Amino acid sequence: MKMNKRGSKILSVYWFVILAIVAGGIFDMAYIFYGTPYDIRTIEASVLINQIADCVSYAGKINISLISGGINQFKGTGTEFLKNCHLNFDTVEWQEQQYYTEINFYEISNMTNPVLSIRTGNKNFIADCAIQKNELKQFLGTQPSLPQCTQKGFYSLDDKNNQYVIKILTAVRKTEKNAKL
């Protein structure tokens, strides 16, 4: 049985159309997957907050080297705090630090003045975090060069069952490495 020449030409045209649709679909999927901007700095800031929270308070009790019996026991610097928590903010890729963290301990009765405040990292990020909180963010749009700031708080007790609110603010810049926009 011989196939009609006209029929085989029509079939080959449809075959090329189907191949073009499949190739276009593969190209579109690859473009969508690799062309979509990603920014993992907020995730990195959240992970940093969790690491700091684990160092500050374990099982609902504040580390006794920080606050004990309602008294500030921490007399060190932010760098010493990072060393005790096994964190390192120094990076090889950049000359300036790409991280900032601020940990404030408040008594429940006085939420305006912290009992203990630990700050370490690039202090220039404080103003950038204030910009992100401000309503100007909607007018400025997303600024890829600004660090991503994340703040979380939780309750904890000291060894004498005094109640504290601990607020942790972290900022991560690393725009050249972690933010493809």
Protein backbone atom coordinates (compact mmCIF):
# COMPACT_ATOMS: atom_id res chain seq x y z
CA MET A 1 0.00 0.00 0.00
CA LYS A 2 1.46 3.26 -1.12
CA MET A 3 0.85 6.52 0.66
CA ASN A 4 -0.35 9.49 -1.26
CA LYS A 5 2.41 12.09 -1.85
CA ARG A 6 0.03 14.89 -1.01
CA GLY A 7 -0.94 13.21 2.27
CA SER A 8 2.68 12.74 3.33
CA LYS A 9 3.42 16.43 2.63
CA ILE A 10 0.48 17.53 4.79
CA LEU A 11 1.56 15.12 7.55
CA SER A 12 5.15 16.47 7.49
CA VAL A 13 3.88 20.07 7.81
CA TYR A 14 1.85 19.12 10.90
CA TRP A 15 4.86 17.25 12.29
CA PHE A 16 7.02 20.39 12.04
CA VAL A 17 4.28 22.48 13.67
CA ILE A 18 4.11 20.03 16.59
CA LEU A 19 7.91 20.06 16.92
CA ALA A 20 7.90 23.88 16.93
CA ILE A 21 5.21 23.94 19.68
CA VAL A 22 7.18 21.45 21.82
CA ALA A 23 10.46 23.37 21.33
CA GLY A 24 8.70 26.65 22.16
CA GLY A 25 7.23 25.10 25.32
CA ILE A 26 10.63 23.84 26.46
CA PHE A 27 12.16 27.27 25.80
CA ASP A 28 9.34 29.01 27.73
CA MET A 29 9.71 26.67 30.72
CA ALA A 30 13.47 27.21 30.85
CA TYR A 31 13.04 30.99 30.53
CA ILE A 32 10.43 31.11 33.30
CA PHE A 33 12.53 28.94 35.62
CA TYR A 34 15.89 30.67 35.09
CA GLY A 35 14.61 34.14 34.27
CA THR A 36 12.52 34.61 37.41
CA PRO A 37 14.21 36.90 39.92
CA TYR A 38 14.98 35.41 43.28
CA ASP A 39 16.00 36.97 46.55
CA ILE A 40 16.91 34.70 49.44
CA ARG A 41 18.09 37.42 51.82
CA THR A 42 14.86 37.40 53.85
CA ILE A 43 15.18 33.63 54.27
CA GLU A 44 18.80 34.05 55.33
CA ALA A 45 17.77 36.76 57.82
CA SER A 46 15.08 34.46 59.27
CA VAL A 47 17.57 31.62 59.65
CA LEU A 48 19.96 34.01 61.39
CA ILE A 49 17.18 35.08 63.79
CA ASN A 50 16.46 31.43 64.61
CA GLN A 51 20.14 30.75 65.32
CA ILE A 52 20.39 33.79 67.58
CA ALA A 53 17.12 32.90 69.35
CA ASP A 54 18.45 29.40 70.07
CA CYS A 55 21.60 30.91 71.57
CA VAL A 56 19.72 33.54 73.63
CA SER A 57 16.98 31.32 75.00
CA TYR A 58 16.74 27.55 75.17
CA ALA A 59 13.50 25.81 76.17
CA GLY A 60 11.98 29.12 77.28
CA LYS A 61 14.85 30.06 79.62
CA ILE A 62 17.25 32.92 78.94
CA ASN A 63 20.93 32.03 78.81
CA ILE A 64 22.29 32.79 82.30
CA SER A 65 25.38 34.42 80.82
CA LEU A 66 23.07 37.14 79.46
CA ILE A 67 20.49 37.77 82.23
CA SER A 68 20.34 36.07 85.59
CA GLY A 69 18.04 36.97 88.46
CA GLY A 70 16.78 40.05 86.65
CA ILE A 71 20.31 41.46 86.35
CA ASN A 72 22.25 42.03 83.16
CA GLN A 73 25.17 39.58 83.28
CA PHE A 74 26.51 40.29 79.79
CA LYS A 75 29.45 42.68 79.88
CA GLY A 76 31.01 41.76 76.55
CA THR A 77 30.80 43.13 73.04
CA GLY A 78 28.68 42.09 70.10
CA THR A 79 31.67 40.28 68.63
CA GLU A 80 32.05 38.21 71.80
CA PHE A 81 28.32 37.42 71.66
CA LEU A 82 28.70 36.13 68.09
CA LYS A 83 31.69 34.02 69.13
CA ASN A 84 29.72 32.50 72.03
CA CYS A 85 26.86 31.70 69.67
CA HIS A 86 29.23 30.22 67.07
CA LEU A 87 28.29 32.82 64.44
CA ASN A 88 30.69 34.60 62.11
CA PHE A 89 29.72 37.81 60.30
CA ASP A 90 33.08 38.19 58.53
CA THR A 91 32.99 37.27 54.87
CA VAL A 92 35.85 36.72 52.47
CA GLU A 93 34.02 38.05 49.41
CA TRP A 94 33.37 41.55 50.77
CA GLN A 95 35.50 44.05 52.62
CA GLU A 96 32.64 45.38 54.74
CA GLN A 97 30.29 43.27 56.82
CA GLN A 98 27.11 42.17 55.10
CA TYR A 99 25.13 41.43 58.28
CA TYR A 100 23.69 43.34 61.21
CA THR A 101 21.84 42.11 64.25
CA GLU A 102 20.28 43.81 67.24
CA ILE A 103 18.95 41.89 70.24
CA ASN A 104 16.89 43.76 72.83
CA PHE A 105 15.64 42.30 76.11
CA TYR A 106 12.60 44.09 77.60
CA GLU A 107 10.91 43.50 80.91
CA ILE A 108 7.18 42.97 80.52
CA SER A 109 6.49 46.01 82.71
CA ASN A 110 8.75 48.34 80.67
CA MET A 111 8.70 47.83 76.92
CA THR A 112 10.41 51.14 76.11
CA ASN A 113 13.82 50.72 77.75
CA PRO A 114 15.68 47.48 77.13
CA VAL A 115 17.36 45.78 80.07
CA LEU A 116 20.04 44.46 77.73
CA SER A 117 20.83 45.48 74.17
CA ILE A 118 23.38 43.72 71.98
CA ARG A 119 24.28 45.20 68.59
CA THR A 120 26.83 43.85 66.16
CA GLY A 121 27.59 43.96 62.47
CA ASN A 122 27.36 46.77 59.93
CA LYS A 123 25.61 49.60 61.81
CA ASN A 124 24.90 51.43 58.53
CA PHE A 125 22.00 49.03 57.96
CA ILE A 126 19.95 50.54 60.82
CA ALA A 127 18.81 53.44 58.62
CA ASP A 128 18.00 51.08 55.76
CA CYS A 129 15.80 49.00 58.05
CA ALA A 130 14.00 52.18 59.12
CA ILE A 131 13.31 52.98 55.46
CA GLN A 132 11.76 49.55 54.96
CA LYS A 133 9.44 50.07 57.94
CA ASN A 134 8.43 53.50 56.74
CA GLU A 135 5.56 54.17 54.39
CA LEU A 136 8.05 55.59 51.85
CA LYS A 137 8.76 52.05 50.72
CA GLN A 138 5.66 52.06 48.52
CA PHE A 139 6.87 55.22 46.79
CA LEU A 140 10.48 54.09 46.47
CA GLY A 141 9.58 50.66 45.21
CA THR A 142 11.84 47.73 45.92
CA GLN A 143 15.43 48.80 46.24
CA PRO A 144 17.65 45.81 45.47
CA SER A 145 20.71 47.49 46.99
CA LEU A 146 19.05 47.87 50.41
CA PRO A 147 19.56 45.07 52.91
CA GLN A 148 16.60 42.89 53.77
CA CYS A 149 15.55 43.39 57.38
CA THR A 150 13.60 40.91 59.44
CA GLN A 151 12.42 41.33 63.01
CA LYS A 152 10.87 38.77 65.33
CA GLY A 153 10.13 38.69 69.01
CA PHE A 154 9.34 36.09 71.64
CA TYR A 155 8.80 35.68 75.36
CA SER A 156 11.26 34.04 77.72
CA LEU A 157 12.00 33.65 81.43
CA ASP A 158 15.20 34.07 83.40
CA ASP A 159 16.34 31.72 86.16
CA LYS A 160 14.13 33.55 88.72
CA ASN A 161 11.06 33.33 86.40
CA ASN A 162 11.10 37.04 85.52
CA GLN A 163 9.35 37.55 82.20
CA TYR A 164 11.06 39.19 79.22
CA VAL A 165 10.22 40.02 75.65
CA ILE A 166 13.20 39.48 73.36
CA LYS A 167 13.19 41.28 70.03
CA ILE A 168 15.74 40.33 67.39
CA LEU A 169 16.36 42.43 64.28
CA THR A 170 18.61 41.14 61.52
CA ALA A 171 19.68 42.71 58.24
CA VAL A 172 21.35 40.91 55.35
CA ARG A 173 22.71 42.79 52.35
CA LYS A 174 24.74 40.47 50.08
CA THR A 175 22.87 41.78 47.02
CA GLU A 176 25.58 40.78 44.58
CA LYS A 177 25.40 37.14 45.60
CA ASN A 178 21.90 36.45 46.91
CA ALA A 179 19.62 38.79 45.00
CA LYS A 180 19.19 38.31 41.28
CA LEU A 181 16.83 41.06 40.23
